[in-house]
Amino acid sequence: MVGKKYFEDIWDYDVYKEIGNYKKNVLLIHGEQDDSVDIIYSEYASEVYENVEFYRVKGAGHGVVNQMPEETMGYIFDYLHQIDIF
């Protein structure tokens, strides 16, 4: 549970200003049918991050990894290979 203090502290917090300071690699994967978090937030984040790969998964909702495991894991493995983790 969160209380009044949480909302007071977070009220004026600009998450996009904060993530703009992050300069390392970022992978964003978002289901186009997500009804919990609108894809517009990831679209905007993909414009703010300096080093980002952004994938929209058609037909997937909020549980994109469980709904489209092969496609999602393909993006993840390709990305890890691209940034020389794999």
N, C-alpha and C. Protein backbone atom coordinates (compact mmCIF):
# COMPACT_ATOMS: atom_id res chain seq x y z
N MET A 1 0.84 -1.19 0.00
CA MET A 1 0.00 0.00 0.00
C MET A 1 0.87 1.24 0.00
N VAL A 2 0.39 2.24 -0.67
CA VAL A 2 1.08 3.52 -0.66
C VAL A 2 0.15 4.56 -0.01
N GLY A 3 0.77 5.51 0.60
CA GLY A 3 0.00 6.53 1.29
C GLY A 3 0.13 7.89 0.64
N LYS A 4 -0.37 8.90 1.33
CA LYS A 4 -0.38 10.27 0.86
C LYS A 4 1.02 10.77 0.53
N LYS A 5 2.00 10.39 1.34
CA LYS A 5 3.38 10.85 1.15
C LYS A 5 3.91 10.42 -0.23
N TYR A 6 3.59 9.21 -0.65
CA TYR A 6 4.03 8.73 -1.96
C TYR A 6 3.52 9.65 -3.06
N PHE A 7 2.26 9.96 -3.02
CA PHE A 7 1.67 10.80 -4.07
C PHE A 7 2.18 12.23 -4.02
N GLU A 8 2.46 12.72 -2.83
CA GLU A 8 3.03 14.06 -2.71
C GLU A 8 4.43 14.10 -3.31
N ASP A 9 5.22 13.07 -3.06
CA ASP A 9 6.59 13.02 -3.58
C ASP A 9 6.64 12.83 -5.09
N ILE A 10 5.71 12.09 -5.61
CA ILE A 10 5.75 11.72 -7.04
C ILE A 10 4.96 12.69 -7.92
N TRP A 11 4.15 13.55 -7.34
CA TRP A 11 3.22 14.40 -8.08
C TRP A 11 3.89 15.18 -9.21
N ASP A 12 4.99 15.83 -8.96
CA ASP A 12 5.65 16.67 -9.97
C ASP A 12 6.86 15.97 -10.62
N TYR A 13 7.00 14.68 -10.40
CA TYR A 13 8.14 13.94 -10.92
C TYR A 13 7.99 13.75 -12.43
N ASP A 14 9.00 14.15 -13.18
CA ASP A 14 8.99 14.02 -14.64
C ASP A 14 9.84 12.81 -15.03
N VAL A 15 9.19 11.68 -15.21
CA VAL A 15 9.91 10.44 -15.51
C VAL A 15 10.69 10.56 -16.82
N TYR A 16 10.17 11.27 -17.78
CA TYR A 16 10.86 11.38 -19.07
C TYR A 16 12.12 12.24 -18.96
N LYS A 17 12.10 13.24 -18.10
CA LYS A 17 13.31 14.02 -17.86
C LYS A 17 14.38 13.13 -17.23
N GLU A 18 13.94 12.29 -16.32
CA GLU A 18 14.88 11.40 -15.63
C GLU A 18 15.46 10.36 -16.58
N ILE A 19 14.63 9.71 -17.38
CA ILE A 19 15.16 8.68 -18.27
C ILE A 19 16.03 9.27 -19.37
N GLY A 20 15.83 10.53 -19.68
CA GLY A 20 16.68 11.19 -20.67
C GLY A 20 18.13 11.28 -20.24
N ASN A 21 18.36 11.16 -18.94
CA ASN A 21 19.73 11.19 -18.40
C ASN A 21 20.42 9.84 -18.51
N TYR A 22 19.67 8.80 -18.82
CA TYR A 22 20.23 7.46 -18.90
C TYR A 22 20.85 7.27 -20.29
N LYS A 23 22.14 7.01 -20.34
CA LYS A 23 22.85 6.97 -21.62
C LYS A 23 23.22 5.56 -22.09
N LYS A 24 22.93 4.55 -21.27
CA LYS A 24 23.27 3.18 -21.67
C LYS A 24 22.19 2.61 -22.58
N ASN A 25 22.41 1.41 -23.06
CA ASN A 25 21.48 0.75 -23.98
C ASN A 25 20.17 0.39 -23.30
N VAL A 26 19.08 0.54 -24.04
CA VAL A 26 17.74 0.23 -23.54
C VAL A 26 16.99 -0.56 -24.59
N LEU A 27 16.29 -1.59 -24.14
CA LEU A 27 15.41 -2.37 -25.01
C LEU A 27 13.99 -2.19 -24.48
N LEU A 28 13.10 -1.71 -25.34
CA LEU A 28 11.68 -1.56 -24.99
C LEU A 28 10.87 -2.50 -25.88
N ILE A 29 10.03 -3.30 -25.26
CA ILE A 29 9.12 -4.19 -25.97
C ILE A 29 7.74 -3.95 -25.40
N HIS A 30 6.79 -3.62 -26.25
CA HIS A 30 5.45 -3.26 -25.76
C HIS A 30 4.39 -3.90 -26.65
N GLY A 31 3.43 -4.54 -26.04
CA GLY A 31 2.31 -5.12 -26.79
C GLY A 31 1.37 -4.05 -27.28
N GLU A 32 1.00 -4.11 -28.55
CA GLU A 32 0.11 -3.09 -29.12
C GLU A 32 -1.30 -3.13 -28.54
N GLN A 33 -1.68 -4.25 -27.94
CA GLN A 33 -3.02 -4.38 -27.37
C GLN A 33 -3.00 -4.25 -25.84
N ASP A 34 -1.96 -3.65 -25.31
CA ASP A 34 -1.83 -3.49 -23.86
C ASP A 34 -2.92 -2.56 -23.34
N ASP A 35 -3.80 -3.09 -22.49
CA ASP A 35 -4.85 -2.24 -21.95
C ASP A 35 -4.55 -1.80 -20.51
N SER A 36 -3.35 -2.15 -20.02
CA SER A 36 -2.91 -1.69 -18.70
C SER A 36 -2.05 -0.43 -18.81
N VAL A 37 -1.15 -0.43 -19.79
CA VAL A 37 -0.26 0.71 -20.03
C VAL A 37 -0.34 1.04 -21.51
N ASP A 38 -0.81 2.21 -21.82
CA ASP A 38 -0.95 2.63 -23.22
C ASP A 38 0.42 2.66 -23.89
N ILE A 39 0.48 2.16 -25.10
CA ILE A 39 1.74 2.09 -25.84
C ILE A 39 2.34 3.47 -26.10
N ILE A 40 1.55 4.50 -26.00
CA ILE A 40 2.05 5.86 -26.23
C ILE A 40 3.18 6.21 -25.26
N TYR A 41 3.15 5.61 -24.06
CA TYR A 41 4.22 5.88 -23.08
C TYR A 41 5.55 5.29 -23.54
N SER A 42 5.52 4.12 -24.11
CA SER A 42 6.76 3.53 -24.63
C SER A 42 7.21 4.23 -25.90
N GLU A 43 6.25 4.65 -26.70
CA GLU A 43 6.61 5.39 -27.91
C GLU A 43 7.34 6.68 -27.54
N TYR A 44 6.83 7.38 -26.56
CA TYR A 44 7.49 8.63 -26.13
C TYR A 44 8.85 8.32 -25.50
N ALA A 45 8.90 7.30 -24.65
CA ALA A 45 10.17 6.92 -24.02
C ALA A 45 11.21 6.58 -25.08
N SER A 46 10.78 5.94 -26.16
CA SER A 46 11.73 5.57 -27.22
C SER A 46 12.31 6.79 -27.91
N GLU A 47 11.62 7.91 -27.83
CA GLU A 47 12.15 9.16 -28.38
C GLU A 47 13.07 9.87 -27.40
N VAL A 48 12.92 9.58 -26.12
CA VAL A 48 13.69 10.27 -25.07
C VAL A 48 15.02 9.57 -24.80
N TYR A 49 15.00 8.24 -24.75
CA TYR A 49 16.24 7.51 -24.51
C TYR A 49 17.20 7.76 -25.66
N GLU A 50 18.47 7.84 -25.33
CA GLU A 50 19.49 8.10 -26.33
C GLU A 50 19.83 6.85 -27.15
N ASN A 51 19.93 5.71 -26.49
CA ASN A 51 20.34 4.45 -27.13
C ASN A 51 19.24 3.41 -26.91
N VAL A 52 18.25 3.40 -27.79
CA VAL A 52 17.09 2.55 -27.57
C VAL A 52 16.73 1.74 -28.81
N GLU A 53 16.30 0.52 -28.56
CA GLU A 53 15.66 -0.32 -29.57
C GLU A 53 14.23 -0.51 -29.07
N PHE A 54 13.25 -0.19 -29.90
CA PHE A 54 11.85 -0.27 -29.49
C PHE A 54 11.09 -1.17 -30.43
N TYR A 55 10.41 -2.17 -29.87
CA TYR A 55 9.63 -3.10 -30.66
C TYR A 55 8.18 -3.09 -30.19
N ARG A 56 7.28 -2.99 -31.14
CA ARG A 56 5.84 -3.11 -30.89
C ARG A 56 5.44 -4.53 -31.30
N VAL A 57 4.72 -5.21 -30.41
CA VAL A 57 4.33 -6.58 -30.71
C VAL A 57 2.83 -6.60 -31.00
N LYS A 58 2.50 -6.87 -32.26
CA LYS A 58 1.10 -6.92 -32.69
C LYS A 58 0.39 -8.09 -32.02
N GLY A 59 -0.82 -7.83 -31.57
CA GLY A 59 -1.65 -8.87 -30.99
C GLY A 59 -1.36 -9.18 -29.54
N ALA A 60 -0.35 -8.56 -28.96
CA ALA A 60 0.01 -8.83 -27.56
C ALA A 60 -0.49 -7.72 -26.66
N GLY A 61 -0.80 -8.10 -25.45
CA GLY A 61 -1.24 -7.15 -24.44
C GLY A 61 -0.14 -6.87 -23.44
N HIS A 62 -0.54 -6.71 -22.19
CA HIS A 62 0.41 -6.35 -21.14
C HIS A 62 1.39 -7.48 -20.84
N GLY A 63 0.97 -8.71 -20.99
CA GLY A 63 1.85 -9.86 -20.74
C GLY A 63 2.52 -10.33 -22.01
N VAL A 64 3.19 -9.43 -22.69
CA VAL A 64 3.74 -9.68 -24.01
C VAL A 64 4.67 -10.90 -24.05
N VAL A 65 5.46 -11.11 -23.03
CA VAL A 65 6.40 -12.24 -23.03
C VAL A 65 5.64 -13.56 -22.98
N ASN A 66 4.59 -13.62 -22.20
CA ASN A 66 3.80 -14.86 -22.09
C ASN A 66 2.90 -15.06 -23.31
N GLN A 67 2.43 -13.98 -23.89
CA GLN A 67 1.50 -14.08 -25.02
C GLN A 67 2.21 -14.36 -26.33
N MET A 68 3.37 -13.81 -26.52
CA MET A 68 4.13 -13.98 -27.76
C MET A 68 5.58 -14.32 -27.41
N PRO A 69 5.80 -15.48 -26.78
CA PRO A 69 7.15 -15.78 -26.28
C PRO A 69 8.22 -15.88 -27.36
N GLU A 70 7.91 -16.51 -28.47
CA GLU A 70 8.95 -16.67 -29.51
C GLU A 70 9.36 -15.34 -30.09
N GLU A 71 8.39 -14.50 -30.42
CA GLU A 71 8.71 -13.19 -30.99
C GLU A 71 9.46 -12.33 -29.99
N THR A 72 8.95 -12.31 -28.77
CA THR A 72 9.57 -11.47 -27.73
C THR A 72 10.99 -11.94 -27.41
N MET A 73 11.16 -13.23 -27.23
CA MET A 73 12.49 -13.74 -26.92
C MET A 73 13.44 -13.55 -28.10
N GLY A 74 12.90 -13.60 -29.30
CA GLY A 74 13.72 -13.30 -30.47
C GLY A 74 14.27 -11.88 -30.42
N TYR A 75 13.42 -10.92 -30.05
CA TYR A 75 13.88 -9.53 -29.91
C TYR A 75 14.95 -9.43 -28.83
N ILE A 76 14.71 -10.11 -27.72
CA ILE A 76 15.66 -10.04 -26.60
C ILE A 76 17.00 -10.64 -26.98
N PHE A 77 17.01 -11.85 -27.56
CA PHE A 77 18.27 -12.49 -27.93
C PHE A 77 19.01 -11.70 -29.01
N ASP A 78 18.28 -11.20 -30.00
CA ASP A 78 18.91 -10.38 -31.04
C ASP A 78 19.55 -9.13 -30.45
N TYR A 79 18.84 -8.51 -29.53
CA TYR A 79 19.34 -7.29 -28.89
C TYR A 79 20.59 -7.59 -28.07
N LEU A 80 20.56 -8.66 -27.28
CA LEU A 80 21.73 -9.01 -26.47
C LEU A 80 22.93 -9.33 -27.35
N HIS A 81 22.68 -9.96 -28.47
CA HIS A 81 23.76 -10.23 -29.43
C HIS A 81 24.28 -8.91 -30.02
N GLN A 82 23.39 -8.02 -30.35
CA GLN A 82 23.75 -6.72 -30.95
C GLN A 82 24.63 -5.90 -30.01
N ILE A 83 24.37 -5.95 -28.72
CA ILE A 83 25.16 -5.16 -27.78
C ILE A 83 26.30 -5.98 -27.15
N ASP A 84 26.59 -7.12 -27.79
CA ASP A 84 27.72 -7.98 -27.40
C ASP A 84 27.63 -8.56 -26.00
N ILE A 85 26.43 -8.86 -25.56
CA ILE A 85 26.24 -9.58 -24.29
C ILE A 85 26.28 -11.08 -24.57
N PHE A 86 25.77 -11.47 -25.73
CA PHE A 86 25.74 -12.86 -26.15
C PHE A 86 26.75 -13.07 -27.25
